[in-house]
């Protein structure tokens, strides 16, 4: 019998001063059995950073043809494709050809440059791609906040992100690896 996904319920109070976006998000996330708490929290962070009315979690790891998060237009065109982790070059190219904007939130510390270096040149022609690196100390600290039910706050100002719960606050300072902010 296959192990089922863990259902995570998160309320995230987003105050994005950079975009002028303020909202309380009620998120339901299916955490795949092979998915770490770190990856789940990075997905929640990526959602909060790009929150909008049309943004949705997808099947994630379970679906090869879908990103972790996306936003589609009313005509079913992919406006925004968001992957977290270190997707392969072929997947990123496919995303860039299917979506108007593609964001990759990479994490993993020292492995990120080793992943990016061999594929950077081949992806240089994609003007709709942004690759953002999240510091390992921050993503690991976020993982320590993971619970089945979470009340989180996320404040974004001048490119800095403060994410926390009632007991913890984590400063996340993303680094643009590729693309323009």
C-alpha atoms as a PDB file:
ATOM      1  CA  UNK A   1       0.000   0.000   0.000  1.00  0.00           C
ATOM      2  CA  UNK A   2       1.378   3.405  -1.001  1.00  0.00           C
ATOM      3  CA  UNK A   3       2.069   6.024   1.624  1.00  0.00           C
ATOM      4  CA  UNK A   4      -0.307   8.958   1.265  1.00  0.00           C
ATOM      5  CA  UNK A   5       0.602  12.636   1.223  1.00  0.00           C
ATOM      6  CA  UNK A   6       0.470  14.577   4.475  1.00  0.00           C
ATOM      7  CA  UNK A   7      -2.002  17.443   4.347  1.00  0.00           C
ATOM      8  CA  UNK A   8      -0.587  20.705   5.695  1.00  0.00           C
ATOM      9  CA  UNK A   9      -2.845  23.640   6.578  1.00  0.00           C
ATOM     10  CA  UNK A  10      -1.137  27.018   6.763  1.00  0.00           C
ATOM     11  CA  UNK A  11      -2.495  30.483   7.332  1.00  0.00           C
ATOM     12  CA  UNK A  12       0.056  33.002   6.087  1.00  0.00           C
ATOM     13  CA  UNK A  13      -0.332  36.692   6.813  1.00  0.00           C
ATOM     14  CA  UNK A  14       1.492  38.380   3.913  1.00  0.00           C
ATOM     15  CA  UNK A  15       2.645  41.995   4.100  1.00  0.00           C
ATOM     16  CA  UNK A  16       4.525  42.672   0.884  1.00  0.00           C
ATOM     17  CA  UNK A  17       5.566  46.313   1.003  1.00  0.00           C
ATOM     18  CA  UNK A  18       7.556  45.916  -2.228  1.00  0.00           C
ATOM     19  CA  UNK A  19       4.427  45.005  -4.234  1.00  0.00           C
ATOM     20  CA  UNK A  20       1.787  46.657  -2.073  1.00  0.00           C
ATOM     21  CA  UNK A  21       0.137  43.274  -1.474  1.00  0.00           C
ATOM     22  CA  UNK A  22      -1.474  42.495   1.895  1.00  0.00           C
ATOM     23  CA  UNK A  23      -3.566  39.402   2.513  1.00  0.00           C
ATOM     24  CA  UNK A  24      -4.207  36.464   4.819  1.00  0.00           C
ATOM     25  CA  UNK A  25      -3.696  33.300   2.776  1.00  0.00           C
ATOM     26  CA  UNK A  26      -5.392  30.047   3.746  1.00  0.00           C
ATOM     27  CA  UNK A  27      -3.226  27.360   2.147  1.00  0.00           C
ATOM     28  CA  UNK A  28      -3.698  23.612   1.923  1.00  0.00           C
ATOM     29  CA  UNK A  29      -0.561  21.795   0.807  1.00  0.00           C
ATOM     30  CA  UNK A  30      -0.148  18.110   0.067  1.00  0.00           C
ATOM     31  CA  UNK A  31       3.313  17.105   1.261  1.00  0.00           C
ATOM     32  CA  UNK A  32       4.450  14.120  -0.808  1.00  0.00           C
ATOM     33  CA  UNK A  33       5.960  11.300   1.308  1.00  0.00           C
ATOM     34  CA  UNK A  34       9.380  11.921  -0.294  1.00  0.00           C
ATOM     35  CA  UNK A  35       9.204  15.690   0.249  1.00  0.00           C
ATOM     36  CA  UNK A  36      11.227  17.193   3.091  1.00  0.00           C
ATOM     37  CA  UNK A  37       9.935  19.829   5.491  1.00  0.00           C
ATOM     38  CA  UNK A  38      12.520  22.193   3.989  1.00  0.00           C
ATOM     39  CA  UNK A  39      11.063  21.805   0.491  1.00  0.00           C
ATOM     40  CA  UNK A  40       7.508  22.219   1.773  1.00  0.00           C
ATOM     41  CA  UNK A  41       8.416  25.429   3.580  1.00  0.00           C
ATOM     42  CA  UNK A  42      10.230  26.757   0.491  1.00  0.00           C
ATOM     43  CA  UNK A  43       7.026  26.108  -1.494  1.00  0.00           C
ATOM     44  CA  UNK A  44       5.033  28.081   1.086  1.00  0.00           C
ATOM     45  CA  UNK A  45       7.600  30.896   0.972  1.00  0.00           C
ATOM     46  CA  UNK A  46       7.556  30.977  -2.855  1.00  0.00           C
ATOM     47  CA  UNK A  47       3.759  31.137  -2.767  1.00  0.00           C
ATOM     48  CA  UNK A  48       3.811  34.044  -0.310  1.00  0.00           C
ATOM     49  CA  UNK A  49       6.408  35.936  -2.377  1.00  0.00           C
ATOM     50  CA  UNK A  50       4.234  35.714  -5.492  1.00  0.00           C
ATOM     51  CA  UNK A  51       0.779  35.655  -3.912  1.00  0.00           C
ATOM     52  CA  UNK A  52      -2.084  36.737  -6.118  1.00  0.00           C
ATOM     53  CA  UNK A  53      -5.688  35.748  -6.577  1.00  0.00           C
ATOM     54  CA  UNK A  54      -4.949  33.247  -9.353  1.00  0.00           C
ATOM     55  CA  UNK A  55      -1.870  31.568  -7.836  1.00  0.00           C
ATOM     56  CA  UNK A  56      -2.334  27.833  -7.133  1.00  0.00           C
ATOM     57  CA  UNK A  57      -0.367  24.878  -5.834  1.00  0.00           C
ATOM     58  CA  UNK A  58      -0.268  22.020  -8.328  1.00  0.00           C
ATOM     59  CA  UNK A  59       0.304  18.301  -7.913  1.00  0.00           C
ATOM     60  CA  UNK A  60       4.006  19.236  -7.465  1.00  0.00           C
ATOM     61  CA  UNK A  61       6.368  16.258  -7.275  1.00  0.00           C
ATOM     62  CA  UNK A  62       3.534  13.969  -8.387  1.00  0.00           C
ATOM     63  CA  UNK A  63       3.080  15.675 -11.780  1.00  0.00           C
ATOM     64  CA  UNK A  64       5.962  15.913 -14.252  1.00  0.00           C
ATOM     65  CA  UNK A  65       4.207  18.399 -16.566  1.00  0.00           C
ATOM     66  CA  UNK A  66       3.303  20.879 -13.865  1.00  0.00           C
ATOM     67  CA  UNK A  67       5.363  23.228 -11.710  1.00  0.00           C
ATOM     68  CA  UNK A  68       5.117  23.391  -7.941  1.00  0.00           C
ATOM     69  CA  UNK A  69       3.005  26.546  -8.194  1.00  0.00           C
ATOM     70  CA  UNK A  70       1.402  28.308 -11.123  1.00  0.00           C
ATOM     71  CA  UNK A  71      -0.910  31.054 -12.187  1.00  0.00           C
ATOM     72  CA  UNK A  72      -3.050  30.640 -15.276  1.00  0.00           C
ATOM     73  CA  UNK A  73      -5.014  33.213 -17.230  1.00  0.00           C
ATOM     74  CA  UNK A  74      -8.747  32.904 -17.876  1.00  0.00           C
ATOM     75  CA  UNK A  75      -7.848  31.496 -21.301  1.00  0.00           C
ATOM     76  CA  UNK A  76      -5.770  28.776 -19.564  1.00  0.00           C
ATOM     77  CA  UNK A  77      -2.386  30.212 -20.588  1.00  0.00           C
ATOM     78  CA  UNK A  78       0.372  29.821 -17.993  1.00  0.00           C
ATOM     79  CA  UNK A  79       1.199  33.293 -16.723  1.00  0.00           C
ATOM     80  CA  UNK A  80       3.644  32.208 -14.012  1.00  0.00           C
ATOM     81  CA  UNK A  81       5.483  28.905 -13.510  1.00  0.00           C
ATOM     82  CA  UNK A  82       7.292  28.441 -10.182  1.00  0.00           C
ATOM     83  CA  UNK A  83       9.593  25.524  -9.373  1.00  0.00           C
ATOM     84  CA  UNK A  84      11.517  25.056  -6.144  1.00  0.00           C
ATOM     85  CA  UNK A  85      14.743  23.105  -5.788  1.00  0.00           C
ATOM     86  CA  UNK A  86      17.169  22.275  -8.579  1.00  0.00           C
ATOM     87  CA  UNK A  87      15.150  21.312 -11.680  1.00  0.00           C
ATOM     88  CA  UNK A  88      17.010  19.938 -14.676  1.00  0.00           C
ATOM     89  CA  UNK A  89      17.774  22.036 -17.734  1.00  0.00           C
ATOM     90  CA  UNK A  90      15.198  20.297 -19.911  1.00  0.00           C
ATOM     91  CA  UNK A  91      12.414  21.062 -17.417  1.00  0.00           C
ATOM     92  CA  UNK A  92      13.413  24.738 -17.197  1.00  0.00           C
ATOM     93  CA  UNK A  93      13.539  25.093 -20.999  1.00  0.00           C
ATOM     94  CA  UNK A  94      10.120  23.477 -21.284  1.00  0.00           C
ATOM     95  CA  UNK A  95       8.755  25.857 -18.633  1.00  0.00           C
ATOM     96  CA  UNK A  96      10.227  28.895 -20.409  1.00  0.00           C
ATOM     97  CA  UNK A  97       8.562  27.808 -23.653  1.00  0.00           C
ATOM     98  CA  UNK A  98       5.174  27.251 -21.993  1.00  0.00           C
ATOM     99  CA  UNK A  99       4.895  30.159 -19.543  1.00  0.00           C
ATOM    100  CA  UNK A 100       5.139  33.928 -19.760  1.00  0.00           C
ATOM    101  CA  UNK A 101       7.294  34.064 -16.601  1.00  0.00           C
ATOM    102  CA  UNK A 102       9.327  31.317 -14.928  1.00  0.00           C
ATOM    103  CA  UNK A 103      10.787  31.541 -11.426  1.00  0.00           C
ATOM    104  CA  UNK A 104      13.075  28.926  -9.905  1.00  0.00           C
ATOM    105  CA  UNK A 105      13.664  29.181  -6.166  1.00  0.00           C
ATOM    106  CA  UNK A 106      16.891  27.216  -5.746  1.00  0.00           C
ATOM    107  CA  UNK A 107      18.141  26.074  -2.364  1.00  0.00           C
ATOM    108  CA  UNK A 108      20.655  23.580  -1.047  1.00  0.00           C
ATOM    109  CA  UNK A 109      23.771  25.540  -0.157  1.00  0.00           C
ATOM    110  CA  UNK A 110      26.973  24.569  -1.991  1.00  0.00           C
ATOM    111  CA  UNK A 111      25.200  22.325  -4.506  1.00  0.00           C
ATOM    112  CA  UNK A 112      23.388  25.297  -6.112  1.00  0.00           C
ATOM    113  CA  UNK A 113      26.443  26.658  -8.023  1.00  0.00           C
ATOM    114  CA  UNK A 114      27.330  23.101  -9.120  1.00  0.00           C
ATOM    115  CA  UNK A 115      23.793  22.690 -10.482  1.00  0.00           C
ATOM    116  CA  UNK A 116      23.643  26.117 -12.162  1.00  0.00           C
ATOM    117  CA  UNK A 117      27.120  26.352 -13.739  1.00  0.00           C
ATOM    118  CA  UNK A 118      26.688  23.665 -16.443  1.00  0.00           C
ATOM    119  CA  UNK A 119      23.199  24.840 -17.497  1.00  0.00           C
ATOM    120  CA  UNK A 120      23.520  28.623 -17.271  1.00  0.00           C
ATOM    121  CA  UNK A 121      24.843  29.213 -20.780  1.00  0.00           C
ATOM    122  CA  UNK A 122      22.174  27.011 -22.378  1.00  0.00           C
ATOM    123  CA  UNK A 123      19.399  28.918 -20.591  1.00  0.00           C
ATOM    124  CA  UNK A 124      20.776  32.409 -21.314  1.00  0.00           C
ATOM    125  CA  UNK A 125      18.400  33.031 -24.226  1.00  0.00           C
ATOM    126  CA  UNK A 126      15.312  32.773 -22.006  1.00  0.00           C
ATOM    127  CA  UNK A 127      14.396  36.330 -21.046  1.00  0.00           C
ATOM    128  CA  UNK A 128      11.373  35.160 -19.035  1.00  0.00           C
ATOM    129  CA  UNK A 129      13.477  33.179 -16.526  1.00  0.00           C
ATOM    130  CA  UNK A 130      14.493  34.218 -13.003  1.00  0.00           C
ATOM    131  CA  UNK A 131      16.590  31.999 -10.775  1.00  0.00           C
ATOM    132  CA  UNK A 132      16.585  33.039  -7.130  1.00  0.00           C
ATOM    133  CA  UNK A 133      18.834  31.392  -4.535  1.00  0.00           C
ATOM    134  CA  UNK A 134      17.596  31.040  -0.980  1.00  0.00           C
ATOM    135  CA  UNK A 135      20.328  30.759   1.682  1.00  0.00           C
ATOM    136  CA  UNK A 136      20.626  27.330   3.246  1.00  0.00           C
ATOM    137  CA  UNK A 137      20.680  28.652   6.807  1.00  0.00           C
ATOM    138  CA  UNK A 138      17.318  30.326   6.190  1.00  0.00           C
ATOM    139  CA  UNK A 139      15.643  27.369   4.468  1.00  0.00           C
ATOM    140  CA  UNK A 140      16.790  25.006   7.228  1.00  0.00           C
ATOM    141  CA  UNK A 141      15.444  27.406   9.853  1.00  0.00           C
ATOM    142  CA  UNK A 142      12.123  27.505   7.979  1.00  0.00           C
ATOM    143  CA  UNK A 143      12.052  23.693   7.974  1.00  0.00           C
ATOM    144  CA  UNK A 144      12.214  23.753  11.779  1.00  0.00           C
ATOM    145  CA  UNK A 145       8.882  25.637  11.801  1.00  0.00           C
ATOM    146  CA  UNK A 146       7.044  22.990   9.758  1.00  0.00           C
ATOM    147  CA  UNK A 147       3.911  21.552  11.356  1.00  0.00           C
ATOM    148  CA  UNK A 148       0.675  20.045  10.070  1.00  0.00           C
ATOM    149  CA  UNK A 149      -1.141  23.237  11.063  1.00  0.00           C
ATOM    150  CA  UNK A 150       0.722  26.547  10.923  1.00  0.00           C
ATOM    151  CA  UNK A 151       0.033  30.216  11.553  1.00  0.00           C
ATOM    152  CA  UNK A 152       2.783  32.145   9.747  1.00  0.00           C
ATOM    153  CA  UNK A 153       3.555  35.745   8.957  1.00  0.00           C
ATOM    154  CA  UNK A 154       5.635  36.895   6.005  1.00  0.00           C
ATOM    155  CA  UNK A 155       6.861  40.480   5.734  1.00  0.00           C
ATOM    156  CA  UNK A 156       8.643  41.555   2.542  1.00  0.00           C
ATOM    157  CA  UNK A 157      10.421  44.885   2.194  1.00  0.00           C
ATOM    158  CA  UNK A 158      13.393  46.039   0.121  1.00  0.00           C
ATOM    159  CA  UNK A 159      14.064  42.475  -1.034  1.00  0.00           C
ATOM    160  CA  UNK A 160      14.324  41.125   2.508  1.00  0.00           C
ATOM    161  CA  UNK A 161      11.862  38.580   3.812  1.00  0.00           C
ATOM    162  CA  UNK A 162      10.974  37.926   7.425  1.00  0.00           C
ATOM    163  CA  UNK A 163       8.984  34.743   7.886  1.00  0.00           C
ATOM    164  CA  UNK A 164       7.954  33.352  11.198  1.00  0.00           C
ATOM    165  CA  UNK A 165       5.427  31.872  13.560  1.00  0.00           C
ATOM    166  CA  UNK A 166       4.585  32.655  17.191  1.00  0.00           C
ATOM    167  CA  UNK A 167       7.999  31.381  18.370  1.00  0.00           C
ATOM    168  CA  UNK A 168      10.438  31.999  15.488  1.00  0.00           C
ATOM    169  CA  UNK A 169      11.455  34.655  12.985  1.00  0.00           C
ATOM    170  CA  UNK A 170      13.686  33.839  10.033  1.00  0.00           C
ATOM    171  CA  UNK A 171      15.404  36.423   7.852  1.00  0.00           C
ATOM    172  CA  UNK A 172      15.598  35.283   4.230  1.00  0.00           C
ATOM    173  CA  UNK A 173      17.812  37.321   1.928  1.00  0.00           C
ATOM    174  CA  UNK A 174      17.386  35.871  -1.555  1.00  0.00           C
ATOM    175  CA  UNK A 175      20.107  36.295  -4.156  1.00  0.00           C
ATOM    176  CA  UNK A 176      19.262  36.758  -7.831  1.00  0.00           C
ATOM    177  CA  UNK A 177      21.314  34.174  -9.688  1.00  0.00           C
ATOM    178  CA  UNK A 178      19.829  34.860 -13.114  1.00  0.00           C
ATOM    179  CA  UNK A 179      17.312  37.345 -14.485  1.00  0.00           C
ATOM    180  CA  UNK A 180      16.180  40.769 -13.430  1.00  0.00           C
ATOM    181  CA  UNK A 181      14.194  41.693 -10.316  1.00  0.00           C
END
